[in-house]
PDB file of N, CA and C in Angstrom:
ATOM      1  N   MET A   1       1.572 -22.008  14.190  1.00  0.00           N
ATOM      2  CA  MET A   1       0.925 -23.396  13.859  1.00  0.00           C
ATOM      3  C   MET A   1       1.016 -23.324  12.409  1.00  0.00           C
ATOM      4  N   ALA A   2       1.827 -24.651  11.780  1.00  0.00           N
ATOM      5  CA  ALA A   2       1.663 -25.059  10.755  1.00  0.00           C
ATOM      6  C   ALA A   2       0.410 -25.160   9.438  1.00  0.00           C
ATOM      7  N   PHE A   3       0.881 -24.886   8.287  1.00  0.00           N
ATOM      8  CA  PHE A   3      -0.305 -24.920   7.073  1.00  0.00           C
ATOM      9  C   PHE A   3       0.073 -26.249   6.150  1.00  0.00           C
ATOM     10  N   GLN A   4      -0.887 -26.796   6.343  1.00  0.00           N
ATOM     11  CA  GLN A   4      -0.433 -27.756   5.407  1.00  0.00           C
ATOM     12  C   GLN A   4      -1.195 -28.400   4.160  1.00  0.00           C
ATOM     13  N   GLY A   5      -0.705 -29.407   3.586  1.00  0.00           N
ATOM     14  CA  GLY A   5      -1.896 -29.577   2.113  1.00  0.00           C
ATOM     15  C   GLY A   5      -1.604 -30.329   1.219  1.00  0.00           C
ATOM     16  N   SER A   6      -2.365 -30.759   0.227  1.00  0.00           N
ATOM     17  CA  SER A   6      -1.684 -31.383  -0.835  1.00  0.00           C
ATOM     18  C   SER A   6      -1.440 -31.478  -2.662  1.00  0.00           C
ATOM     19  N   LEU A   7      -0.303 -31.416  -2.849  1.00  0.00           N
ATOM     20  CA  LEU A   7      -0.146 -30.430  -3.796  1.00  0.00           C
ATOM     21  C   LEU A   7      -1.181 -30.663  -5.090  1.00  0.00           C
ATOM     22  N   ALA A   8      -1.785 -31.998  -5.067  1.00  0.00           N
ATOM     23  CA  ALA A   8      -2.676 -31.526  -6.117  1.00  0.00           C
ATOM     24  C   ALA A   8      -4.068 -31.122  -6.824  1.00  0.00           C
ATOM     25  N   GLU A   9      -3.936 -30.513  -4.646  1.00  0.00           N
ATOM     26  CA  GLU A   9      -4.723 -29.694  -4.848  1.00  0.00           C
ATOM     27  C   GLU A   9      -4.243 -28.237  -4.959  1.00  0.00           C
ATOM     28  N   LEU A  10      -3.679 -28.153  -4.234  1.00  0.00           N
ATOM     29  CA  LEU A  10      -3.115 -26.094  -4.388  1.00  0.00           C
ATOM     30  C   LEU A  10      -1.692 -26.670  -4.687  1.00  0.00           C
ATOM     31  N   HIS A  11      -1.386 -25.666  -6.037  1.00  0.00           N
ATOM     32  CA  HIS A  11       0.084 -25.708  -6.671  1.00  0.00           C
ATOM     33  C   HIS A  11       0.815 -24.964  -5.585  1.00  0.00           C
ATOM     34  N   LEU A  12       1.686 -25.241  -6.037  1.00  0.00           N
ATOM     35  CA  LEU A  12       3.135 -24.432  -4.880  1.00  0.00           C
ATOM     36  C   LEU A  12       3.347 -22.976  -5.643  1.00  0.00           C
ATOM     37  N   PRO A  13       3.132 -22.681  -6.685  1.00  0.00           N
ATOM     38  CA  PRO A  13       3.095 -20.960  -7.009  1.00  0.00           C
ATOM     39  C   PRO A  13       2.019 -20.655  -5.811  1.00  0.00           C
ATOM     40  N   ASP A  14       0.862 -20.692  -6.137  1.00  0.00           N
ATOM     41  CA  ASP A  14      -0.132 -20.090  -5.577  1.00  0.00           C
ATOM     42  C   ASP A  14      -0.364 -19.847  -4.541  1.00  0.00           C
ATOM     43  N   ILE A  15       0.317 -21.769  -3.494  1.00  0.00           N
ATOM     44  CA  ILE A  15       0.285 -21.621  -1.743  1.00  0.00           C
ATOM     45  C   ILE A  15       1.239 -20.346  -1.395  1.00  0.00           C
ATOM     46  N   ILE A  16       3.248 -20.764  -2.768  1.00  0.00           N
ATOM     47  CA  ILE A  16       3.807 -19.282  -2.576  1.00  0.00           C
ATOM     48  C   ILE A  16       3.179 -17.752  -2.942  1.00  0.00           C
ATOM     49  N   GLN A  17       2.132 -17.415  -3.149  1.00  0.00           N
ATOM     50  CA  GLN A  17       1.540 -16.292  -3.239  1.00  0.00           C
ATOM     51  C   GLN A  17       0.889 -15.898  -2.144  1.00  0.00           C
ATOM     52  N   LEU A  18       0.622 -16.840  -1.583  1.00  0.00           N
ATOM     53  CA  LEU A  18      -0.926 -17.239  -0.625  1.00  0.00           C
ATOM     54  C   LEU A  18       0.170 -16.134   1.016  1.00  0.00           C
ATOM     55  N   ILE A  19       1.097 -16.965   1.131  1.00  0.00           N
ATOM     56  CA  ILE A  19       1.804 -17.107   1.953  1.00  0.00           C
ATOM     57  C   ILE A  19       3.149 -15.343   1.972  1.00  0.00           C
ATOM     58  N   SER A  20       3.423 -15.429   0.836  1.00  0.00           N
ATOM     59  CA  SER A  20       4.597 -13.531   0.386  1.00  0.00           C
ATOM     60  C   SER A  20       3.709 -13.115   0.887  1.00  0.00           C
ATOM     61  N   VAL A  21       2.556 -13.362   0.471  1.00  0.00           N
ATOM     62  CA  VAL A  21       1.561 -11.441   0.380  1.00  0.00           C
ATOM     63  C   VAL A  21       0.830 -11.531   2.423  1.00  0.00           C
ATOM     64  N   SER A  22       1.332 -11.867   2.525  1.00  0.00           N
ATOM     65  CA  SER A  22       1.031 -11.861   3.771  1.00  0.00           C
ATOM     66  C   SER A  22       2.353 -11.278   4.542  1.00  0.00           C
ATOM     67  N   GLY A  23       3.791 -11.849   4.129  1.00  0.00           N
ATOM     68  CA  GLY A  23       4.930 -11.286   4.799  1.00  0.00           C
ATOM     69  C   GLY A  23       5.323 -11.795   5.983  1.00  0.00           C
ATOM     70  N   LYS A  24       5.282 -13.653   5.404  1.00  0.00           N
ATOM     71  CA  LYS A  24       5.755 -14.525   6.375  1.00  0.00           C
ATOM     72  C   LYS A  24       6.758 -15.034   6.487  1.00  0.00           C
ATOM     73  N   THR A  25       7.380 -15.385   7.477  1.00  0.00           N
ATOM     74  CA  THR A  25       8.298 -15.874   7.881  1.00  0.00           C
ATOM     75  C   THR A  25       8.878 -17.196   8.078  1.00  0.00           C
ATOM     76  N   GLY A  26       9.080 -17.564   7.151  1.00  0.00           N
ATOM     77  CA  GLY A  26       8.846 -19.537   7.429  1.00  0.00           C
ATOM     78  C   GLY A  26       9.605 -20.358   6.788  1.00  0.00           C
ATOM     79  N   VAL A  27       9.707 -21.465   6.424  1.00  0.00           N
ATOM     80  CA  VAL A  27       9.784 -22.746   5.058  1.00  0.00           C
ATOM     81  C   VAL A  27       8.865 -23.490   5.044  1.00  0.00           C
ATOM     82  N   PHE A  28       8.616 -24.250   3.531  1.00  0.00           N
ATOM     83  CA  PHE A  28       7.957 -24.759   3.113  1.00  0.00           C
ATOM     84  C   PHE A  28       8.943 -25.987   2.903  1.00  0.00           C
ATOM     85  N   HIS A  29       8.327 -27.007   3.148  1.00  0.00           N
ATOM     86  CA  HIS A  29       8.306 -29.036   4.225  1.00  0.00           C
ATOM     87  C   HIS A  29       7.923 -29.357   2.126  1.00  0.00           C
ATOM     88  N   LEU A  30       8.652 -30.002   2.355  1.00  0.00           N
ATOM     89  CA  LEU A  30       7.496 -29.999   0.257  1.00  0.00           C
ATOM     90  C   LEU A  30       8.506 -31.908   0.515  1.00  0.00           C
ATOM     91  N   THR A  31       7.386 -33.160   0.183  1.00  0.00           N
ATOM     92  CA  THR A  31       7.602 -33.759  -0.583  1.00  0.00           C
ATOM     93  C   THR A  31       6.823 -34.644  -1.428  1.00  0.00           C
ATOM     94  N   SER A  32       8.034 -35.546  -1.880  1.00  0.00           N
ATOM     95  CA  SER A  32       7.030 -35.907  -3.581  1.00  0.00           C
ATOM     96  C   SER A  32       7.921 -37.289  -3.255  1.00  0.00           C
ATOM     97  N   GLY A  33       6.958 -38.951  -2.623  1.00  0.00           N
ATOM     98  CA  GLY A  33       7.453 -39.955  -3.288  1.00  0.00           C
ATOM     99  C   GLY A  33       8.602 -40.141  -1.857  1.00  0.00           C
ATOM    100  N   ALA A  34       9.968 -40.153  -2.037  1.00  0.00           N
ATOM    101  CA  ALA A  34      11.001 -39.945  -1.687  1.00  0.00           C
ATOM    102  C   ALA A  34      11.792 -39.483  -1.903  1.00  0.00           C
ATOM    103  N   LEU A  35      11.269 -38.220  -2.929  1.00  0.00           N
ATOM    104  CA  LEU A  35      12.034 -36.181  -3.359  1.00  0.00           C
ATOM    105  C   LEU A  35      11.880 -35.824  -1.372  1.00  0.00           C
ATOM    106  N   ALA A  36      12.380 -34.860  -1.329  1.00  0.00           N
ATOM    107  CA  ALA A  36      12.189 -33.415  -0.380  1.00  0.00           C
ATOM    108  C   ALA A  36      12.707 -33.206  -0.970  1.00  0.00           C
ATOM    109  N   GLY A  37      12.031 -30.930  -0.853  1.00  0.00           N
ATOM    110  CA  GLY A  37      12.383 -30.631  -0.745  1.00  0.00           C
ATOM    111  C   GLY A  37      12.115 -29.287   0.513  1.00  0.00           C
ATOM    112  N   GLU A  38      12.686 -27.934   0.375  1.00  0.00           N
ATOM    113  CA  GLU A  38      12.838 -27.454   1.541  1.00  0.00           C
ATOM    114  C   GLU A  38      12.593 -25.717   0.373  1.00  0.00           C
ATOM    115  N   ILE A  39      11.279 -24.656   1.265  1.00  0.00           N
ATOM    116  CA  ILE A  39      11.291 -23.172  -0.376  1.00  0.00           C
ATOM    117  C   ILE A  39      11.710 -22.489   2.007  1.00  0.00           C
ATOM    118  N   TYR A  40      12.646 -21.596   1.557  1.00  0.00           N
ATOM    119  CA  TYR A  40      12.644 -21.106   2.517  1.00  0.00           C
ATOM    120  C   TYR A  40      11.666 -19.334   2.655  1.00  0.00           C
ATOM    121  N   LEU A  41      10.935 -18.955   3.195  1.00  0.00           N
ATOM    122  CA  LEU A  41      11.075 -17.588   2.693  1.00  0.00           C
ATOM    123  C   LEU A  41      11.352 -16.157   4.136  1.00  0.00           C
ATOM    124  N   SER A  42      11.808 -14.838   4.247  1.00  0.00           N
ATOM    125  CA  SER A  42      11.412 -14.400   4.934  1.00  0.00           C
ATOM    126  C   SER A  42      10.689 -12.801   4.760  1.00  0.00           C
ATOM    127  N   ASP A  43      10.081 -12.454   5.588  1.00  0.00           N
ATOM    128  CA  ASP A  43       9.655 -11.641   5.336  1.00  0.00           C
ATOM    129  C   ASP A  43       8.562 -11.978   3.601  1.00  0.00           C
ATOM    130  N   GLY A  44       8.532 -12.963   3.788  1.00  0.00           N
ATOM    131  CA  GLY A  44       7.711 -12.821   1.901  1.00  0.00           C
ATOM    132  C   GLY A  44       8.160 -13.277   1.131  1.00  0.00           C
ATOM    133  N   LYS A  45       9.996 -12.666   1.516  1.00  0.00           N
ATOM    134  CA  LYS A  45      10.366 -13.237   0.217  1.00  0.00           C
ATOM    135  C   LYS A  45      11.316 -14.255   0.324  1.00  0.00           C
ATOM    136  N   ILE A  46      11.241 -15.609  -0.872  1.00  0.00           N
ATOM    137  CA  ILE A  46      11.583 -16.659  -1.092  1.00  0.00           C
ATOM    138  C   ILE A  46      13.177 -16.160  -1.283  1.00  0.00           C
ATOM    139  N   VAL A  47      13.306 -16.797   0.125  1.00  0.00           N
ATOM    140  CA  VAL A  47      15.598 -16.772  -0.022  1.00  0.00           C
ATOM    141  C   VAL A  47      16.482 -17.324   0.125  1.00  0.00           C
ATOM    142  N   HIS A  48      15.729 -19.379  -0.206  1.00  0.00           N
ATOM    143  CA  HIS A  48      16.770 -20.012  -0.138  1.00  0.00           C
ATOM    144  C   HIS A  48      16.131 -20.896  -0.611  1.00  0.00           C
ATOM    145  N   ALA A  49      16.500 -22.138  -1.151  1.00  0.00           N
ATOM    146  CA  ALA A  49      15.726 -23.319  -1.704  1.00  0.00           C
ATOM    147  C   ALA A  49      16.539 -24.368  -1.693  1.00  0.00           C
ATOM    148  N   GLN A  50      16.281 -25.913  -1.230  1.00  0.00           N
ATOM    149  CA  GLN A  50      16.486 -27.237  -1.874  1.00  0.00           C
ATOM    150  C   GLN A  50      15.828 -28.041  -2.200  1.00  0.00           C
ATOM    151  N   LEU A  51      16.738 -29.146  -2.632  1.00  0.00           N
ATOM    152  CA  LEU A  51      16.402 -30.300  -3.539  1.00  0.00           C
ATOM    153  C   LEU A  51      17.257 -30.972  -3.866  1.00  0.00           C
ATOM    154  N   ASP A  52      17.767 -32.186  -2.864  1.00  0.00           N
ATOM    155  CA  ASP A  52      18.490 -32.544  -2.858  1.00  0.00           C
ATOM    156  C   ASP A  52      19.598 -31.943  -2.979  1.00  0.00           C
ATOM    157  N   ASP A  53      20.856 -31.652  -3.947  1.00  0.00           N
ATOM    158  CA  ASP A  53      22.381 -31.247  -3.828  1.00  0.00           C
ATOM    159  C   ASP A  53      21.800 -29.788  -4.903  1.00  0.00           C
ATOM    160  N   VAL A  54      20.281 -29.810  -5.333  1.00  0.00           N
ATOM    161  CA  VAL A  54      20.207 -28.245  -6.171  1.00  0.00           C
ATOM    162  C   VAL A  54      19.561 -27.412  -5.040  1.00  0.00           C
ATOM    163  N   SER A  55      20.305 -26.297  -5.040  1.00  0.00           N
ATOM    164  CA  SER A  55      19.500 -25.169  -4.053  1.00  0.00           C
ATOM    165  C   SER A  55      19.728 -24.000  -5.657  1.00  0.00           C
ATOM    166  N   GLY A  56      18.713 -23.001  -5.112  1.00  0.00           N
ATOM    167  CA  GLY A  56      18.671 -21.990  -4.459  1.00  0.00           C
ATOM    168  C   GLY A  56      17.524 -21.963  -5.664  1.00  0.00           C
ATOM    169  N   GLU A  57      18.131 -21.391  -7.150  1.00  0.00           N
ATOM    170  CA  GLU A  57      16.842 -20.668  -8.134  1.00  0.00           C
ATOM    171  C   GLU A  57      16.461 -22.194  -9.289  1.00  0.00           C
ATOM    172  N   GLU A  58      17.569 -23.210  -9.497  1.00  0.00           N
ATOM    173  CA  GLU A  58      17.148 -24.567  -9.460  1.00  0.00           C
ATOM    174  C   GLU A  58      15.895 -25.169  -9.359  1.00  0.00           C
ATOM    175  N   ALA A  59      16.317 -25.783  -7.603  1.00  0.00           N
ATOM    176  CA  ALA A  59      15.215 -25.607  -6.986  1.00  0.00           C
ATOM    177  C   ALA A  59      13.691 -25.815  -6.717  1.00  0.00           C
ATOM    178  N   VAL A  60      13.721 -23.841  -6.948  1.00  0.00           N
ATOM    179  CA  VAL A  60      12.844 -23.593  -6.969  1.00  0.00           C
ATOM    180  C   VAL A  60      11.936 -23.801  -8.363  1.00  0.00           C
ATOM    181  N   TYR A  61      12.334 -24.374  -9.194  1.00  0.00           N
ATOM    182  CA  TYR A  61      11.631 -24.831 -10.612  1.00  0.00           C
ATOM    183  C   TYR A  61      11.255 -26.266 -10.774  1.00  0.00           C
ATOM    184  N   ALA A  62      12.345 -26.665 -10.291  1.00  0.00           N
ATOM    185  CA  ALA A  62      12.116 -28.146 -10.129  1.00  0.00           C
ATOM    186  C   ALA A  62      10.500 -28.229  -9.226  1.00  0.00           C
ATOM    187  N   LEU A  63      11.177 -27.794  -7.818  1.00  0.00           N
ATOM    188  CA  LEU A  63       9.447 -28.340  -6.542  1.00  0.00           C
ATOM    189  C   LEU A  63       8.673 -27.697  -7.940  1.00  0.00           C
ATOM    190  N   ALA A  64       8.371 -26.570  -7.703  1.00  0.00           N
ATOM    191  CA  ALA A  64       7.031 -25.485  -8.107  1.00  0.00           C
ATOM    192  C   ALA A  64       7.051 -26.634  -9.648  1.00  0.00           C
ATOM    193  N   MET A  65       7.433 -27.755 -10.343  1.00  0.00           N
ATOM    194  CA  MET A  65       7.226 -28.406 -11.322  1.00  0.00           C
ATOM    195  C   MET A  65       6.144 -29.965 -10.181  1.00  0.00           C
ATOM    196  N   TRP A  66       5.239 -29.869  -9.237  1.00  0.00           N
ATOM    197  CA  TRP A  66       5.667 -31.061  -8.901  1.00  0.00           C
ATOM    198  C   TRP A  66       3.919 -31.163  -9.010  1.00  0.00           C
ATOM    199  N   SER A  67       3.571 -32.026  -9.248  1.00  0.00           N
ATOM    200  CA  SER A  67       1.697 -31.964  -9.470  1.00  0.00           C
ATOM    201  C   SER A  67       1.323 -32.838  -8.515  1.00  0.00           C
ATOM    202  N   GLN A  68       2.185 -33.946  -7.982  1.00  0.00           N
ATOM    203  CA  GLN A  68       1.958 -34.810  -6.845  1.00  0.00           C
ATOM    204  C   GLN A  68       2.565 -34.135  -5.329  1.00  0.00           C
ATOM    205  N   GLY A  69       2.493 -35.027  -3.783  1.00  0.00           N
ATOM    206  CA  GLY A  69       3.453 -34.931  -3.016  1.00  0.00           C
ATOM    207  C   GLY A  69       2.839 -34.015  -1.666  1.00  0.00           C
ATOM    208  N   ASP A  70       2.578 -33.573  -1.041  1.00  0.00           N
ATOM    209  CA  ASP A  70       2.519 -32.604   0.173  1.00  0.00           C
ATOM    210  C   ASP A  70       3.043 -31.464   0.470  1.00  0.00           C
ATOM    211  N   PHE A  71       3.027 -31.116   1.021  1.00  0.00           N
ATOM    212  CA  PHE A  71       3.253 -29.935   1.311  1.00  0.00           C
ATOM    213  C   PHE A  71       2.756 -28.856   3.436  1.00  0.00           C
ATOM    214  N   ARG A  72       4.386 -28.704   4.238  1.00  0.00           N
ATOM    215  CA  ARG A  72       3.345 -28.253   5.346  1.00  0.00           C
ATOM    216  C   ARG A  72       4.663 -26.638   5.777  1.00  0.00           C
ATOM    217  N   PHE A  73       4.080 -25.371   5.836  1.00  0.00           N
ATOM    218  CA  PHE A  73       4.393 -24.671   6.009  1.00  0.00           C
ATOM    219  C   PHE A  73       4.728 -24.355   7.589  1.00  0.00           C
ATOM    220  N   ASP A  74       5.844 -24.163   8.094  1.00  0.00           N
ATOM    221  CA  ASP A  74       5.829 -24.501   9.469  1.00  0.00           C
ATOM    222  C   ASP A  74       6.623 -21.804   9.060  1.00  0.00           C
ATOM    223  N   PRO A  75       5.532 -21.308  10.112  1.00  0.00           N
ATOM    224  CA  PRO A  75       5.972 -20.599  10.383  1.00  0.00           C
ATOM    225  C   PRO A  75       7.124 -20.067  11.858  1.00  0.00           C
ATOM    226  N   GLY A  76       7.950 -18.879  11.393  1.00  0.00           N
ATOM    227  CA  GLY A  76       8.720 -18.716  12.166  1.00  0.00           C
ATOM    228  C   GLY A  76      10.369 -19.211  11.804  1.00  0.00           C
ATOM    229  N   VAL A  77       9.956 -19.796  11.743  1.00  0.00           N
ATOM    230  CA  VAL A  77      11.378 -20.630  10.448  1.00  0.00           C
ATOM    231  C   VAL A  77      12.657 -19.943   9.904  1.00  0.00           C
ATOM    232  N   SER A  78      13.394 -19.586  10.673  1.00  0.00           N
ATOM    233  CA  SER A  78      15.087 -19.047   9.419  1.00  0.00           C
ATOM    234  C   SER A  78      15.767 -19.515   8.382  1.00  0.00           C
ATOM    235  N   THR A  79      16.183 -19.256   7.497  1.00  0.00           N
ATOM    236  CA  THR A  79      17.755 -19.324   7.384  1.00  0.00           C
ATOM    237  C   THR A  79      18.932 -18.233   7.306  1.00  0.00           C
ATOM    238  N   GLU A  80      20.237 -18.672   7.960  1.00  0.00           N
ATOM    239  CA  GLU A  80      21.479 -17.539   7.100  1.00  0.00           C
ATOM    240  C   GLU A  80      21.386 -17.833   5.843  1.00  0.00           C
ATOM    241  N   LEU A  81      21.409 -18.958   4.906  1.00  0.00           N
ATOM    242  CA  LEU A  81      21.768 -19.171   3.393  1.00  0.00           C
ATOM    243  C   LEU A  81      20.736 -18.267   2.678  1.00  0.00           C
ATOM    244  N   ARG A  82      21.701 -17.111   1.728  1.00  0.00           N
ATOM    245  CA  ARG A  82      19.994 -16.601   1.018  1.00  0.00           C
ATOM    246  C   ARG A  82      20.962 -17.043  -0.486  1.00  0.00           C
ATOM    247  N   THR A  83      20.717 -17.514  -1.457  1.00  0.00           N
ATOM    248  CA  THR A  83      20.922 -18.351  -2.445  1.00  0.00           C
ATOM    249  C   THR A  83      19.811 -17.989  -3.664  1.00  0.00           C
ATOM    250  N   ILE A  84      18.933 -17.129  -3.648  1.00  0.00           N
ATOM    251  CA  ILE A  84      17.653 -16.610  -3.983  1.00  0.00           C
ATOM    252  C   ILE A  84      17.482 -14.747  -4.132  1.00  0.00           C
ATOM    253  N   SER A  85      18.121 -14.251  -4.962  1.00  0.00           N
ATOM    254  CA  SER A  85      17.955 -12.721  -4.790  1.00  0.00           C
ATOM    255  C   SER A  85      16.654 -12.124  -6.088  1.00  0.00           C
ATOM    256  N   LYS A  86      16.053 -13.165  -6.799  1.00  0.00           N
ATOM    257  CA  LYS A  86      15.321 -12.794  -7.789  1.00  0.00           C
ATOM    258  C   LYS A  86      14.092 -12.287  -7.612  1.00  0.00           C
ATOM    259  N   SER A  87      13.312 -11.484  -7.641  1.00  0.00           N
ATOM    260  CA  SER A  87      11.693 -11.203  -6.685  1.00  0.00           C
ATOM    261  C   SER A  87      10.925 -12.764  -7.010  1.00  0.00           C
ATOM    262  N   ASN A  88       9.773 -13.253  -6.103  1.00  0.00           N
ATOM    263  CA  ASN A  88       9.115 -14.381  -6.272  1.00  0.00           C
ATOM    264  C   ASN A  88       8.065 -13.962  -7.363  1.00  0.00           C
ATOM    265  N   THR A  89       7.881 -12.621  -8.013  1.00  0.00           N
ATOM    266  CA  THR A  89       7.120 -12.668  -8.840  1.00  0.00           C
ATOM    267  C   THR A  89       7.828 -12.962  -9.773  1.00  0.00           C
ATOM    268  N   ASN A  90       9.482 -13.016 -10.564  1.00  0.00           N
ATOM    269  CA  ASN A  90       9.877 -13.159 -11.536  1.00  0.00           C
ATOM    270  C   ASN A  90      10.280 -14.587 -11.160  1.00  0.00           C
ATOM    271  N   LEU A  91      11.243 -15.198 -10.002  1.00  0.00           N
ATOM    272  CA  LEU A  91      10.857 -16.652  -9.365  1.00  0.00           C
ATOM    273  C   LEU A  91       9.813 -16.648 -10.243  1.00  0.00           C
ATOM    274  N   LEU A  92       8.628 -17.396  -9.186  1.00  0.00           N
ATOM    275  CA  LEU A  92       7.020 -17.474 -10.293  1.00  0.00           C
ATOM    276  C   LEU A  92       6.298 -17.351 -11.889  1.00  0.00           C
ATOM    277  N   MET A  93       6.837 -16.828 -12.892  1.00  0.00           N
ATOM    278  CA  MET A  93       7.009 -16.508 -13.665  1.00  0.00           C
ATOM    279  C   MET A  93       7.716 -17.404 -14.489  1.00  0.00           C
ATOM    280  N   GLU A  94       8.994 -17.211 -14.393  1.00  0.00           N
ATOM    281  CA  GLU A  94       9.976 -18.283 -14.752  1.00  0.00           C
ATOM    282  C   GLU A  94       9.995 -19.749 -14.443  1.00  0.00           C
ATOM    283  N   ALA A  95       9.401 -19.691 -13.940  1.00  0.00           N
ATOM    284  CA  ALA A  95       8.538 -21.752 -13.241  1.00  0.00           C
ATOM    285  C   ALA A  95       7.425 -21.938 -14.086  1.00  0.00           C
ATOM    286  N   ALA A  96       6.582 -21.310 -13.515  1.00  0.00           N
ATOM    287  CA  ALA A  96       5.037 -21.002 -15.150  1.00  0.00           C
ATOM    288  C   ALA A  96       5.190 -21.188 -17.110  1.00  0.00           C
ATOM    289  N   ARG A  97       6.663 -21.015 -16.585  1.00  0.00           N
ATOM    290  CA  ARG A  97       7.099 -20.840 -18.082  1.00  0.00           C
ATOM    291  C   ARG A  97       8.350 -21.826 -18.707  1.00  0.00           C
ATOM    292  N   ARG A  98       8.057 -22.612 -17.761  1.00  0.00           N
ATOM    293  CA  ARG A  98       9.382 -23.990 -17.989  1.00  0.00           C
ATOM    294  C   ARG A  98       8.330 -24.917 -17.771  1.00  0.00           C
ATOM    295  N   LEU A  99       6.923 -24.962 -17.376  1.00  0.00           N
ATOM    296  CA  LEU A  99       6.859 -25.883 -16.673  1.00  0.00           C
ATOM    297  C   LEU A  99       5.881 -25.917 -18.036  1.00  0.00           C
ATOM    298  N   ASP A 100       4.742 -25.097 -18.442  1.00  0.00           N
ATOM    299  CA  ASP A 100       4.881 -24.381 -19.993  1.00  0.00           C
ATOM    300  C   ASP A 100       5.384 -25.255 -20.974  1.00  0.00           C
ATOM    301  N   GLU A 101       7.162 -24.906 -21.421  1.00  0.00           N
ATOM    302  CA  GLU A 101       7.516 -25.994 -22.266  1.00  0.00           C
ATOM    303  C   GLU A 101       7.478 -27.242 -22.194  1.00  0.00           C
ATOM    304  N   TRP A 102       7.268 -27.498 -20.530  1.00  0.00           N
ATOM    305  CA  TRP A 102       7.770 -28.770 -20.904  1.00  0.00           C
ATOM    306  C   TRP A 102       6.481 -29.718 -20.807  1.00  0.00           C
ATOM    307  N   ARG A 103       5.063 -29.532 -20.485  1.00  0.00           N
ATOM    308  CA  ARG A 103       3.955 -29.801 -21.137  1.00  0.00           C
ATOM    309  C   ARG A 103       4.164 -29.542 -22.531  1.00  0.00           C
ATOM    310  N   VAL A 104       4.466 -28.559 -23.388  1.00  0.00           N
ATOM    311  CA  VAL A 104       4.870 -28.677 -24.941  1.00  0.00           C
ATOM    312  C   VAL A 104       5.639 -30.467 -25.173  1.00  0.00           C
ATOM    313  N   LEU A 105       6.958 -30.273 -24.496  1.00  0.00           N
ATOM    314  CA  LEU A 105       7.672 -30.959 -25.349  1.00  0.00           C
ATOM    315  C   LEU A 105       7.184 -32.705 -24.225  1.00  0.00           C
ATOM    316  N   SER A 106       6.327 -32.708 -23.575  1.00  0.00           N
ATOM    317  CA  SER A 106       6.037 -33.713 -22.695  1.00  0.00           C
ATOM    318  C   SER A 106       4.837 -34.740 -24.002  1.00  0.00           C
ATOM    319  N   LYS A 107       3.949 -33.901 -24.661  1.00  0.00           N
ATOM    320  CA  LYS A 107       3.070 -34.927 -25.212  1.00  0.00           C
ATOM    321  C   LYS A 107       4.340 -35.168 -26.315  1.00  0.00           C
ATOM    322  N   LYS A 108       5.420 -34.193 -27.234  1.00  0.00           N
ATOM    323  CA  LYS A 108       6.013 -34.955 -28.411  1.00  0.00           C
ATOM    324  C   LYS A 108       6.877 -36.269 -27.981  1.00  0.00           C
ATOM    325  N   ILE A 109       6.488 -35.976 -26.462  1.00  0.00           N
ATOM    326  CA  ILE A 109       7.893 -37.810 -26.283  1.00  0.00           C
ATOM    327  C   ILE A 109       7.539 -38.438 -25.563  1.00  0.00           C
ATOM    328  N   PRO A 110       7.275 -39.974 -26.426  1.00  0.00           N
ATOM    329  CA  PRO A 110       6.330 -40.798 -26.476  1.00  0.00           C
ATOM    330  C   PRO A 110       6.374 -41.474 -24.615  1.00  0.00           C
ATOM    331  N   SER A 111       7.983 -41.085 -24.111  1.00  0.00           N
ATOM    332  CA  SER A 111       8.335 -42.250 -22.856  1.00  0.00           C
ATOM    333  C   SER A 111       9.579 -41.389 -22.451  1.00  0.00           C
ATOM    334  N   THR A 112       9.297 -40.821 -21.232  1.00  0.00           N
ATOM    335  CA  THR A 112      10.958 -41.164 -20.477  1.00  0.00           C
ATOM    336  C   THR A 112      11.747 -41.793 -20.199  1.00  0.00           C
ATOM    337  N   ASP A 113      11.018 -42.540 -20.612  1.00  0.00           N
ATOM    338  CA  ASP A 113      12.379 -44.051 -20.312  1.00  0.00           C
ATOM    339  C   ASP A 113      12.480 -44.056 -22.338  1.00  0.00           C
ATOM    340  N   LEU A 114      12.335 -43.775 -22.703  1.00  0.00           N
ATOM    341  CA  LEU A 114      13.282 -44.111 -24.316  1.00  0.00           C
ATOM    342  C   LEU A 114      15.221 -43.062 -23.765  1.00  0.00           C
ATOM    343  N   VAL A 115      15.611 -44.546 -24.923  1.00  0.00           N
ATOM    344  CA  VAL A 115      17.034 -42.942 -24.826  1.00  0.00           C
ATOM    345  C   VAL A 115      17.424 -43.278 -27.022  1.00  0.00           C
ATOM    346  N   PRO A 116      17.222 -41.527 -26.638  1.00  0.00           N
ATOM    347  CA  PRO A 116      17.840 -40.879 -27.698  1.00  0.00           C
ATOM    348  C   PRO A 116      18.975 -41.704 -28.841  1.00  0.00           C
ATOM    349  N   GLU A 117      18.798 -42.801 -30.054  1.00  0.00           N
ATOM    350  CA  GLU A 117      20.471 -43.254 -30.115  1.00  0.00           C
ATOM    351  C   GLU A 117      20.717 -42.202 -32.314  1.00  0.00           C
ATOM    352  N   PHE A 118      21.632 -41.652 -32.128  1.00  0.00           N
ATOM    353  CA  PHE A 118      22.137 -41.107 -33.603  1.00  0.00           C
ATOM    354  C   PHE A 118      21.865 -42.000 -34.004  1.00  0.00           C
ATOM    355  N   VAL A 119      21.692 -42.412 -35.752  1.00  0.00           N
ATOM    356  CA  VAL A 119      22.204 -43.189 -36.982  1.00  0.00           C
ATOM    357  C   VAL A 119      22.794 -42.137 -37.821  1.00  0.00           C
ATOM    358  N   VAL A 120      23.855 -42.747 -37.679  1.00  0.00           N
ATOM    359  CA  VAL A 120      25.232 -43.142 -38.490  1.00  0.00           C
ATOM    360  C   VAL A 120      24.801 -43.399 -39.860  1.00  0.00           C
TER     361      VAL A 120
END
């Protein structure tokens, strides 16, 4: 039976911890607007992630930054791909660190649409 919800209500790191503690194997399908990604767990451990052409740890870090979108966990789905060797704890701690850095930087940047210019 699939487990699904909104990333606005449940943050991805919290959901991953919940599922991984139970030792489940399966895949998280994540969508946010036109973007879609996947995170695979094997016996509760994150073993592979994909977001467009980015895979592995960097895909986990990018997906963990999403605050809007939807998720669905399909148990029993596995993959032969093994692009991640770090523990879930280390992955989620690094994702939290990057999110904290982004929050600090985003307060100093007036708009992500601006392009800086060097004045000589």
